[in-house]
Amino acid sequence: MQRKTLTVEALVGFEPEIGRWIWGLEDVRQTILRRLEGIRHEFLNHKVDGRQSIGSLLYHIAYIEADWLYAEVLESAWDPKIKTCFPWDHRTEDNSLSEVPDQSLEEHLHRMQRVRHELLAHFKGMDLSDWRRVRQLEPYDVTPEWVIYHLIEHESHHRGQIFQLLRELEHA
C-alpha cells in the first residue's frame, strides 16, 4: 500500500500565500467532481424529503462563487458571459434555492468551470496588498482573503449535502 502525503502546495502562477488558499478551493471542487463521475442523470434532479436536488446545489455553488467574485472582490457588475450561465433566478420568493430544470451533469460542470476559470484568472494577478485590501460595501467590509475562505467553507458544506443525497439515492 502506497503511503499518502497530505500537504498543501501553492498553485503555480499565484502569489504563494494566495496559491495555498486557492489550492484548498480547488481541492474541495476536485472531491465533488470525483464523486459525481458516473452519476445517474435521474439523481441530479431528484428531491429527497423536500431538500434541494443535487443539480440545484451545483447551480447554487457556481452562482455564489460568481456573486462573491464580482460583487465583493471585483466590486463590479457581473461579466455578461458569466451572467448568461445563470438563466434562472437563484432563489424563490420565500428565499429557498430555486430548482433548476432538467440539465445534464455536463451542463452543470461547464457552468461551474466557467465561473472557476474567471475566479482563477483574477486571483492569479493579485498581490498580497490587494488580497488583504478591504472592500467597503454597504452591508459589510470584506477582503478577497476572506472571500476565498468563505467559498471553501460554502462549497465544503454543500459537498456534504451532495454526498449525503448520493448515499441516500444509491441505497434507495
N, C-alpha and C. Protein backbone atom coordinates (compact mmCIF):
# COMPACT_ATOMS: atom_id res chain seq x y z
N MET A 1 0.84 -1.18 0.00
CA MET A 1 0.00 0.00 0.00
C MET A 1 0.89 1.25 0.00
N GLN A 2 0.60 2.16 -0.90
CA GLN A 2 1.40 3.38 -1.01
C GLN A 2 1.02 4.38 0.08
N ARG A 3 2.02 4.93 0.70
CA ARG A 3 1.81 5.90 1.77
C ARG A 3 1.38 7.24 1.18
N LYS A 4 0.33 7.84 1.75
CA LYS A 4 -0.15 9.15 1.31
C LYS A 4 0.69 10.25 1.93
N THR A 5 0.85 11.31 1.20
CA THR A 5 1.47 12.51 1.72
C THR A 5 0.42 13.61 1.67
N LEU A 6 0.06 14.11 2.82
CA LEU A 6 -1.00 15.11 2.92
C LEU A 6 -0.36 16.48 3.19
N THR A 7 -0.30 17.28 2.15
CA THR A 7 0.30 18.61 2.26
C THR A 7 -0.54 19.59 1.45
N VAL A 8 -0.33 20.84 1.71
CA VAL A 8 -0.94 21.92 0.93
C VAL A 8 0.19 22.57 0.14
N GLU A 9 0.00 22.68 -1.16
CA GLU A 9 1.01 23.26 -2.04
C GLU A 9 0.44 24.51 -2.70
N ALA A 10 1.25 25.54 -2.79
CA ALA A 10 0.81 26.74 -3.51
C ALA A 10 0.69 26.39 -4.99
N LEU A 11 -0.41 26.76 -5.60
CA LEU A 11 -0.58 26.52 -7.03
C LEU A 11 0.35 27.43 -7.82
N VAL A 12 0.89 26.90 -8.88
CA VAL A 12 1.81 27.64 -9.74
C VAL A 12 1.08 28.81 -10.38
N GLY A 13 1.76 29.94 -10.46
CA GLY A 13 1.21 31.12 -11.10
C GLY A 13 0.53 32.09 -10.17
N PHE A 14 0.44 31.73 -8.90
CA PHE A 14 -0.18 32.59 -7.89
C PHE A 14 0.89 33.05 -6.91
N GLU A 15 0.67 34.19 -6.30
CA GLU A 15 1.50 34.57 -5.16
C GLU A 15 1.39 33.40 -4.19
N PRO A 16 2.49 32.90 -3.61
CA PRO A 16 2.43 31.65 -2.83
C PRO A 16 1.35 31.58 -1.76
N GLU A 17 1.17 32.61 -0.96
CA GLU A 17 0.13 32.55 0.08
C GLU A 17 -1.25 32.42 -0.55
N ILE A 18 -1.51 33.19 -1.57
CA ILE A 18 -2.80 33.11 -2.27
C ILE A 18 -2.95 31.73 -2.91
N GLY A 19 -1.87 31.23 -3.49
CA GLY A 19 -1.90 29.93 -4.15
C GLY A 19 -2.24 28.78 -3.22
N ARG A 20 -1.87 28.89 -1.96
CA ARG A 20 -2.23 27.84 -0.99
C ARG A 20 -3.74 27.86 -0.70
N TRP A 21 -4.30 29.05 -0.58
CA TRP A 21 -5.75 29.15 -0.36
C TRP A 21 -6.51 28.66 -1.59
N ILE A 22 -6.04 29.02 -2.77
CA ILE A 22 -6.70 28.57 -4.00
C ILE A 22 -6.58 27.06 -4.13
N TRP A 23 -5.45 26.49 -3.70
CA TRP A 23 -5.29 25.04 -3.68
C TRP A 23 -6.43 24.42 -2.86
N GLY A 24 -6.74 24.99 -1.71
CA GLY A 24 -7.82 24.47 -0.88
C GLY A 24 -9.16 24.53 -1.59
N LEU A 25 -9.41 25.65 -2.26
CA LEU A 25 -10.66 25.80 -3.02
C LEU A 25 -10.74 24.74 -4.11
N GLU A 26 -9.64 24.55 -4.83
CA GLU A 26 -9.61 23.56 -5.90
C GLU A 26 -9.73 22.13 -5.36
N ASP A 27 -9.17 21.87 -4.19
CA ASP A 27 -9.24 20.53 -3.60
C ASP A 27 -10.69 20.15 -3.29
N VAL A 28 -11.44 21.09 -2.73
CA VAL A 28 -12.86 20.82 -2.46
C VAL A 28 -13.58 20.48 -3.75
N ARG A 29 -13.34 21.27 -4.80
CA ARG A 29 -14.00 21.05 -6.09
C ARG A 29 -13.65 19.67 -6.65
N GLN A 30 -12.39 19.28 -6.55
CA GLN A 30 -11.97 18.00 -7.12
C GLN A 30 -12.65 16.83 -6.43
N THR A 31 -12.90 16.94 -5.12
CA THR A 31 -13.59 15.84 -4.44
C THR A 31 -15.04 15.74 -4.92
N ILE A 32 -15.66 16.86 -5.22
CA ILE A 32 -17.02 16.84 -5.77
C ILE A 32 -17.00 16.20 -7.16
N LEU A 33 -16.09 16.64 -7.99
CA LEU A 33 -16.03 16.12 -9.37
C LEU A 33 -15.78 14.61 -9.39
N ARG A 34 -14.88 14.13 -8.53
CA ARG A 34 -14.61 12.69 -8.49
C ARG A 34 -15.86 11.91 -8.07
N ARG A 35 -16.58 12.43 -7.09
CA ARG A 35 -17.77 11.73 -6.57
C ARG A 35 -18.91 11.73 -7.59
N LEU A 36 -18.97 12.77 -8.43
CA LEU A 36 -20.06 12.86 -9.40
C LEU A 36 -19.80 12.04 -10.68
N GLU A 37 -18.58 11.53 -10.84
CA GLU A 37 -18.28 10.73 -12.03
C GLU A 37 -19.24 9.54 -12.11
N GLY A 38 -19.89 9.41 -13.24
CA GLY A 38 -20.79 8.29 -13.46
C GLY A 38 -22.14 8.39 -12.78
N ILE A 39 -22.47 9.54 -12.22
CA ILE A 39 -23.76 9.71 -11.56
C ILE A 39 -24.90 9.48 -12.56
N ARG A 40 -25.93 8.82 -12.12
CA ARG A 40 -27.10 8.61 -12.97
C ARG A 40 -27.83 9.94 -13.15
N HIS A 41 -28.25 10.22 -14.38
CA HIS A 41 -28.90 11.51 -14.69
C HIS A 41 -30.10 11.77 -13.78
N GLU A 42 -30.88 10.76 -13.51
CA GLU A 42 -32.09 10.99 -12.70
C GLU A 42 -31.76 11.42 -11.27
N PHE A 43 -30.55 11.14 -10.79
CA PHE A 43 -30.17 11.57 -9.46
C PHE A 43 -29.97 13.09 -9.38
N LEU A 44 -29.62 13.73 -10.48
CA LEU A 44 -29.33 15.16 -10.46
C LEU A 44 -30.53 16.00 -10.06
N ASN A 45 -31.71 15.60 -10.46
CA ASN A 45 -32.90 16.42 -10.23
C ASN A 45 -33.88 15.82 -9.23
N HIS A 46 -33.50 14.69 -8.63
CA HIS A 46 -34.38 14.03 -7.67
C HIS A 46 -34.30 14.74 -6.32
N LYS A 47 -35.45 15.06 -5.76
CA LYS A 47 -35.51 15.69 -4.45
C LYS A 47 -35.82 14.62 -3.41
N VAL A 48 -35.06 14.60 -2.34
CA VAL A 48 -35.28 13.66 -1.25
C VAL A 48 -35.83 14.43 -0.07
N ASP A 49 -36.99 14.03 0.41
CA ASP A 49 -37.60 14.65 1.60
C ASP A 49 -37.71 16.16 1.50
N GLY A 50 -38.01 16.69 0.32
CA GLY A 50 -38.20 18.12 0.13
C GLY A 50 -36.93 18.94 0.11
N ARG A 51 -35.76 18.29 0.20
CA ARG A 51 -34.49 19.03 0.14
C ARG A 51 -34.17 19.39 -1.30
N GLN A 52 -33.19 20.26 -1.49
CA GLN A 52 -32.78 20.65 -2.84
C GLN A 52 -32.18 19.46 -3.56
N SER A 53 -32.31 19.47 -4.87
CA SER A 53 -31.70 18.43 -5.68
C SER A 53 -30.21 18.70 -5.82
N ILE A 54 -29.47 17.69 -6.24
CA ILE A 54 -28.04 17.85 -6.49
C ILE A 54 -27.82 18.90 -7.56
N GLY A 55 -28.61 18.89 -8.61
CA GLY A 55 -28.47 19.88 -9.67
C GLY A 55 -28.65 21.30 -9.15
N SER A 56 -29.63 21.50 -8.29
CA SER A 56 -29.84 22.84 -7.73
C SER A 56 -28.69 23.26 -6.82
N LEU A 57 -28.11 22.32 -6.11
CA LEU A 57 -26.95 22.64 -5.27
C LEU A 57 -25.74 23.00 -6.13
N LEU A 58 -25.54 22.31 -7.24
CA LEU A 58 -24.43 22.64 -8.14
C LEU A 58 -24.61 24.03 -8.74
N TYR A 59 -25.83 24.35 -9.13
CA TYR A 59 -26.14 25.69 -9.66
C TYR A 59 -25.85 26.75 -8.60
N HIS A 60 -26.28 26.48 -7.38
CA HIS A 60 -26.10 27.40 -6.26
C HIS A 60 -24.61 27.62 -5.98
N ILE A 61 -23.81 26.56 -5.95
CA ILE A 61 -22.38 26.69 -5.70
C ILE A 61 -21.75 27.63 -6.73
N ALA A 62 -22.06 27.43 -8.00
CA ALA A 62 -21.49 28.27 -9.05
C ALA A 62 -21.99 29.71 -8.94
N TYR A 63 -23.27 29.88 -8.65
CA TYR A 63 -23.84 31.22 -8.54
C TYR A 63 -23.18 32.02 -7.42
N ILE A 64 -23.05 31.40 -6.27
CA ILE A 64 -22.47 32.09 -5.11
C ILE A 64 -21.01 32.45 -5.38
N GLU A 65 -20.28 31.55 -6.02
CA GLU A 65 -18.89 31.84 -6.34
C GLU A 65 -18.79 33.05 -7.27
N ALA A 66 -19.64 33.09 -8.29
CA ALA A 66 -19.64 34.23 -9.21
C ALA A 66 -20.04 35.51 -8.49
N ASP A 67 -21.05 35.44 -7.65
CA ASP A 67 -21.52 36.64 -6.95
C ASP A 67 -20.45 37.21 -6.03
N TRP A 68 -19.77 36.37 -5.26
CA TRP A 68 -18.71 36.87 -4.39
C TRP A 68 -17.55 37.42 -5.22
N LEU A 69 -17.23 36.78 -6.33
CA LEU A 69 -16.15 37.28 -7.17
C LEU A 69 -16.46 38.69 -7.68
N TYR A 70 -17.63 38.85 -8.27
CA TYR A 70 -17.95 40.15 -8.88
C TYR A 70 -18.34 41.20 -7.86
N ALA A 71 -19.24 40.89 -6.94
CA ALA A 71 -19.73 41.91 -6.01
C ALA A 71 -18.68 42.30 -4.97
N GLU A 72 -18.03 41.32 -4.38
CA GLU A 72 -17.13 41.63 -3.27
C GLU A 72 -15.68 41.84 -3.72
N VAL A 73 -15.14 40.94 -4.50
CA VAL A 73 -13.72 41.06 -4.87
C VAL A 73 -13.49 42.13 -5.92
N LEU A 74 -14.23 42.06 -7.02
CA LEU A 74 -14.02 42.99 -8.13
C LEU A 74 -14.84 44.26 -7.99
N GLU A 75 -15.84 44.24 -7.12
CA GLU A 75 -16.72 45.39 -6.91
C GLU A 75 -17.27 45.90 -8.25
N SER A 76 -17.80 44.98 -9.00
CA SER A 76 -18.29 45.32 -10.34
C SER A 76 -19.54 44.52 -10.68
N ALA A 77 -20.14 44.89 -11.78
CA ALA A 77 -21.25 44.09 -12.31
C ALA A 77 -20.68 42.78 -12.84
N TRP A 78 -21.54 41.80 -12.94
CA TRP A 78 -21.12 40.50 -13.47
C TRP A 78 -20.73 40.64 -14.94
N ASP A 79 -19.72 39.90 -15.34
CA ASP A 79 -19.35 39.80 -16.74
C ASP A 79 -20.55 39.19 -17.48
N PRO A 80 -21.00 39.79 -18.58
CA PRO A 80 -22.18 39.27 -19.29
C PRO A 80 -22.04 37.80 -19.72
N LYS A 81 -20.83 37.38 -20.07
CA LYS A 81 -20.67 35.98 -20.50
C LYS A 81 -20.86 35.02 -19.32
N ILE A 82 -20.60 35.47 -18.10
CA ILE A 82 -20.86 34.64 -16.92
C ILE A 82 -22.34 34.73 -16.56
N LYS A 83 -22.91 35.92 -16.65
CA LYS A 83 -24.33 36.10 -16.32
C LYS A 83 -25.21 35.18 -17.16
N THR A 84 -24.84 34.95 -18.43
CA THR A 84 -25.66 34.07 -19.29
C THR A 84 -25.66 32.61 -18.82
N CYS A 85 -24.73 32.25 -17.97
CA CYS A 85 -24.69 30.89 -17.43
C CYS A 85 -25.78 30.65 -16.39
N PHE A 86 -26.47 31.72 -15.99
CA PHE A 86 -27.45 31.64 -14.90
C PHE A 86 -28.80 32.15 -15.36
N PRO A 87 -29.51 31.39 -16.19
CA PRO A 87 -30.78 31.86 -16.73
C PRO A 87 -31.94 31.81 -15.73
N TRP A 88 -31.77 31.12 -14.61
CA TRP A 88 -32.85 31.01 -13.63
C TRP A 88 -32.52 31.84 -12.40
N ASP A 89 -33.57 32.35 -11.77
CA ASP A 89 -33.38 33.07 -10.52
C ASP A 89 -32.68 32.15 -9.54
N HIS A 90 -31.89 32.73 -8.69
CA HIS A 90 -31.12 31.96 -7.72
C HIS A 90 -32.00 31.46 -6.56
N ARG A 91 -32.94 32.29 -6.17
CA ARG A 91 -33.80 31.94 -5.04
C ARG A 91 -35.27 32.20 -5.38
N THR A 92 -36.14 31.53 -4.66
CA THR A 92 -37.57 31.72 -4.82
C THR A 92 -38.01 32.89 -3.94
N GLU A 93 -39.28 33.24 -4.02
CA GLU A 93 -39.80 34.35 -3.22
C GLU A 93 -39.68 34.09 -1.72
N ASP A 94 -39.73 32.82 -1.31
CA ASP A 94 -39.59 32.51 0.12
C ASP A 94 -38.13 32.27 0.53
N ASN A 95 -37.19 32.64 -0.36
CA ASN A 95 -35.74 32.57 -0.13
C ASN A 95 -35.16 31.16 -0.16
N SER A 96 -35.92 30.20 -0.66
CA SER A 96 -35.38 28.85 -0.87
C SER A 96 -34.56 28.86 -2.15
N LEU A 97 -33.65 27.91 -2.28
CA LEU A 97 -32.93 27.78 -3.54
C LEU A 97 -33.90 27.38 -4.63
N SER A 98 -33.74 27.99 -5.77
CA SER A 98 -34.60 27.64 -6.91
C SER A 98 -34.22 26.27 -7.43
N GLU A 99 -35.22 25.57 -7.90
CA GLU A 99 -34.96 24.29 -8.56
C GLU A 99 -34.57 24.58 -9.99
N VAL A 100 -33.51 23.97 -10.42
CA VAL A 100 -33.01 24.15 -11.77
C VAL A 100 -33.64 23.07 -12.65
N PRO A 101 -34.22 23.47 -13.78
CA PRO A 101 -34.84 22.47 -14.66
C PRO A 101 -33.83 21.41 -15.10
N ASP A 102 -34.36 20.35 -15.61
CA ASP A 102 -33.59 19.18 -16.02
C ASP A 102 -32.38 19.55 -16.88
N GLN A 103 -31.20 19.48 -16.30
CA GLN A 103 -29.95 19.74 -17.02
C GLN A 103 -29.02 18.55 -16.82
N SER A 104 -28.14 18.37 -17.77
CA SER A 104 -27.18 17.27 -17.68
C SER A 104 -26.06 17.64 -16.72
N LEU A 105 -25.34 16.63 -16.28
CA LEU A 105 -24.18 16.87 -15.44
C LEU A 105 -23.17 17.73 -16.19
N GLU A 106 -23.01 17.49 -17.47
CA GLU A 106 -22.06 18.27 -18.28
C GLU A 106 -22.41 19.76 -18.26
N GLU A 107 -23.71 20.09 -18.33
CA GLU A 107 -24.12 21.49 -18.29
C GLU A 107 -23.79 22.12 -16.93
N HIS A 108 -24.04 21.39 -15.86
CA HIS A 108 -23.72 21.90 -14.52
C HIS A 108 -22.22 22.09 -14.37
N LEU A 109 -21.43 21.11 -14.81
CA LEU A 109 -19.98 21.20 -14.65
C LEU A 109 -19.39 22.29 -15.53
N HIS A 110 -19.96 22.49 -16.71
CA HIS A 110 -19.49 23.55 -17.59
C HIS A 110 -19.69 24.92 -16.92
N ARG A 111 -20.84 25.12 -16.33
CA ARG A 111 -21.14 26.38 -15.62
C ARG A 111 -20.14 26.59 -14.47
N MET A 112 -19.94 25.55 -13.69
CA MET A 112 -19.03 25.65 -12.56
C MET A 112 -17.61 25.96 -13.03
N GLN A 113 -17.19 25.32 -14.13
CA GLN A 113 -15.84 25.53 -14.64
C GLN A 113 -15.65 26.93 -15.21
N ARG A 114 -16.66 27.46 -15.88
CA ARG A 114 -16.55 28.83 -16.42
C ARG A 114 -16.37 29.84 -15.31
N VAL A 115 -17.15 29.69 -14.25
CA VAL A 115 -17.02 30.62 -13.12
C VAL A 115 -15.65 30.45 -12.47
N ARG A 116 -15.23 29.21 -12.24
CA ARG A 116 -13.94 28.98 -11.61
C ARG A 116 -12.80 29.53 -12.46
N HIS A 117 -12.90 29.38 -13.76
CA HIS A 117 -11.88 29.91 -14.67
C HIS A 117 -11.74 31.43 -14.47
N GLU A 118 -12.87 32.13 -14.37
CA GLU A 118 -12.85 33.57 -14.15
C GLU A 118 -12.22 33.92 -12.80
N LEU A 119 -12.61 33.19 -11.77
CA LEU A 119 -12.07 33.44 -10.45
C LEU A 119 -10.56 33.24 -10.45
N LEU A 120 -10.09 32.14 -11.01
CA LEU A 120 -8.65 31.86 -11.03
C LEU A 120 -7.89 32.94 -11.79
N ALA A 121 -8.44 33.38 -12.90
CA ALA A 121 -7.78 34.41 -13.70
C ALA A 121 -7.60 35.70 -12.89
N HIS A 122 -8.60 36.07 -12.13
CA HIS A 122 -8.50 37.30 -11.34
C HIS A 122 -7.55 37.15 -10.16
N PHE A 123 -7.52 35.99 -9.54
CA PHE A 123 -6.65 35.81 -8.38
C PHE A 123 -5.20 35.56 -8.79
N LYS A 124 -4.96 35.07 -9.99
CA LYS A 124 -3.58 34.86 -10.45
C LYS A 124 -2.81 36.16 -10.49
N GLY A 125 -3.43 37.22 -10.87
CA GLY A 125 -2.75 38.50 -10.97
C GLY A 125 -2.74 39.31 -9.69
N MET A 126 -3.26 38.76 -8.62
CA MET A 126 -3.40 39.52 -7.37
C MET A 126 -2.14 39.44 -6.53
N ASP A 127 -1.78 40.55 -5.92
CA ASP A 127 -0.67 40.55 -4.96
C ASP A 127 -1.24 40.59 -3.55
N LEU A 128 -0.36 40.46 -2.57
CA LEU A 128 -0.83 40.38 -1.17
C LEU A 128 -1.51 41.66 -0.69
N SER A 129 -1.12 42.81 -1.20
CA SER A 129 -1.78 44.03 -0.75
C SER A 129 -3.23 44.05 -1.22
N ASP A 130 -3.50 43.62 -2.46
CA ASP A 130 -4.88 43.57 -2.94
C ASP A 130 -5.64 42.43 -2.26
N TRP A 131 -4.97 41.32 -1.99
CA TRP A 131 -5.55 40.16 -1.30
C TRP A 131 -6.12 40.56 0.06
N ARG A 132 -5.45 41.51 0.69
CA ARG A 132 -5.88 41.95 2.03
C ARG A 132 -6.54 43.33 2.03
N ARG A 133 -6.69 43.91 0.85
CA ARG A 133 -7.33 45.24 0.78
C ARG A 133 -8.81 45.10 1.10
N VAL A 134 -9.27 45.88 2.05
CA VAL A 134 -10.66 45.82 2.48
C VAL A 134 -11.54 46.50 1.43
N ARG A 135 -12.58 45.78 1.02
CA ARG A 135 -13.60 46.35 0.15
C ARG A 135 -14.72 46.82 1.07
N GLN A 136 -15.07 48.08 0.96
CA GLN A 136 -16.11 48.64 1.83
C GLN A 136 -17.42 48.66 1.06
N LEU A 137 -18.25 47.69 1.39
CA LEU A 137 -19.56 47.56 0.76
C LEU A 137 -20.62 48.07 1.73
N GLU A 138 -21.80 48.26 1.23
CA GLU A 138 -22.86 48.81 2.09
C GLU A 138 -23.10 47.96 3.35
N PRO A 139 -23.29 46.64 3.22
CA PRO A 139 -23.63 45.88 4.43
C PRO A 139 -22.43 45.46 5.29
N TYR A 140 -21.21 45.46 4.74
CA TYR A 140 -20.04 44.99 5.49
C TYR A 140 -18.76 45.33 4.74
N ASP A 141 -17.65 45.14 5.43
CA ASP A 141 -16.32 45.26 4.84
C ASP A 141 -15.79 43.85 4.65
N VAL A 142 -15.04 43.62 3.57
CA VAL A 142 -14.57 42.27 3.27
C VAL A 142 -13.28 42.33 2.46
N THR A 143 -12.43 41.32 2.64
CA THR A 143 -11.22 41.20 1.84
C THR A 143 -11.34 39.99 0.92
N PRO A 144 -10.58 39.98 -0.19
CA PRO A 144 -10.55 38.78 -1.04
C PRO A 144 -10.09 37.54 -0.27
N GLU A 145 -9.19 37.72 0.67
CA GLU A 145 -8.73 36.61 1.50
C GLU A 145 -9.91 35.95 2.21
N TRP A 146 -10.80 36.77 2.80
CA TRP A 146 -11.96 36.22 3.49
C TRP A 146 -12.93 35.59 2.49
N VAL A 147 -13.06 36.17 1.31
CA VAL A 147 -13.95 35.61 0.28
C VAL A 147 -13.53 34.18 -0.06
N ILE A 148 -12.25 33.95 -0.26
CA ILE A 148 -11.79 32.59 -0.58
C ILE A 148 -12.03 31.65 0.59
N TYR A 149 -11.76 32.10 1.81
CA TYR A 149 -12.10 31.29 2.99
C TYR A 149 -13.58 30.91 2.96
N HIS A 150 -14.43 31.90 2.72
CA HIS A 150 -15.87 31.65 2.70
C HIS A 150 -16.27 30.69 1.59
N LEU A 151 -15.69 30.84 0.40
CA LEU A 151 -16.03 29.95 -0.70
C LEU A 151 -15.61 28.51 -0.42
N ILE A 152 -14.47 28.32 0.25
CA ILE A 152 -14.06 26.97 0.66
C ILE A 152 -15.08 26.40 1.62
N GLU A 153 -15.45 27.18 2.61
CA GLU A 153 -16.43 26.73 3.61
C GLU A 153 -17.78 26.45 2.96
N HIS A 154 -18.22 27.33 2.08
CA HIS A 154 -19.51 27.20 1.41
C HIS A 154 -19.57 25.94 0.56
N GLU A 155 -18.57 25.75 -0.29
CA GLU A 155 -18.59 24.58 -1.17
C GLU A 155 -18.43 23.28 -0.38
N SER A 156 -17.64 23.32 0.70
CA SER A 156 -17.50 22.13 1.56
C SER A 156 -18.83 21.75 2.20
N HIS A 157 -19.56 22.75 2.65
CA HIS A 157 -20.88 22.50 3.25
C HIS A 157 -21.80 21.80 2.24
N HIS A 158 -21.87 22.35 1.04
CA HIS A 158 -22.76 21.76 0.04
C HIS A 158 -22.23 20.44 -0.51
N ARG A 159 -20.91 20.25 -0.48
CA ARG A 159 -20.34 18.96 -0.84
C ARG A 159 -20.90 17.90 0.09
N GLY A 160 -20.96 18.19 1.37
CA GLY A 160 -21.53 17.24 2.33
C GLY A 160 -22.99 16.93 2.03
N GLN A 161 -23.76 17.95 1.67
CA GLN A 161 -25.16 17.72 1.31
C GLN A 161 -25.27 16.84 0.06
N ILE A 162 -24.45 17.14 -0.94
CA ILE A 162 -24.47 16.36 -2.18
C ILE A 162 -24.10 14.91 -1.91
N PHE A 163 -23.06 14.69 -1.12
CA PHE A 163 -22.62 13.32 -0.84
C PHE A 163 -23.68 12.56 -0.04
N GLN A 164 -24.35 13.25 0.89
CA GLN A 164 -25.42 12.60 1.65
C GLN A 164 -26.58 12.22 0.73
N LEU A 165 -26.97 13.13 -0.16
CA LEU A 165 -28.04 12.82 -1.11
C LEU A 165 -27.66 11.63 -1.99
N LEU A 166 -26.44 11.60 -2.46
CA LEU A 166 -25.99 10.49 -3.30
C LEU A 166 -26.05 9.16 -2.53
N ARG A 167 -25.62 9.16 -1.27
CA ARG A 167 -25.70 7.93 -0.47
C ARG A 167 -27.15 7.46 -0.35
N GLU A 168 -28.05 8.40 -0.09
CA GLU A 168 -29.46 8.03 0.06
C GLU A 168 -30.05 7.54 -1.27
N LEU A 169 -29.72 8.20 -2.36
CA LEU A 169 -30.25 7.81 -3.67
C LEU A 169 -29.69 6.46 -4.11
N GLU A 170 -28.42 6.23 -3.85
CA GLU A 170 -27.79 4.98 -4.28
C GLU A 170 -28.26 3.77 -3.46
N HIS A 171 -28.78 4.02 -2.27
CA HIS A 171 -29.23 2.94 -1.42
C HIS A 171 -30.75 2.87 -1.29
N ALA A 172 -31.44 3.62 -2.15
CA ALA A 172 -32.92 3.61 -2.11
C ALA A 172 -33.47 2.40 -2.84
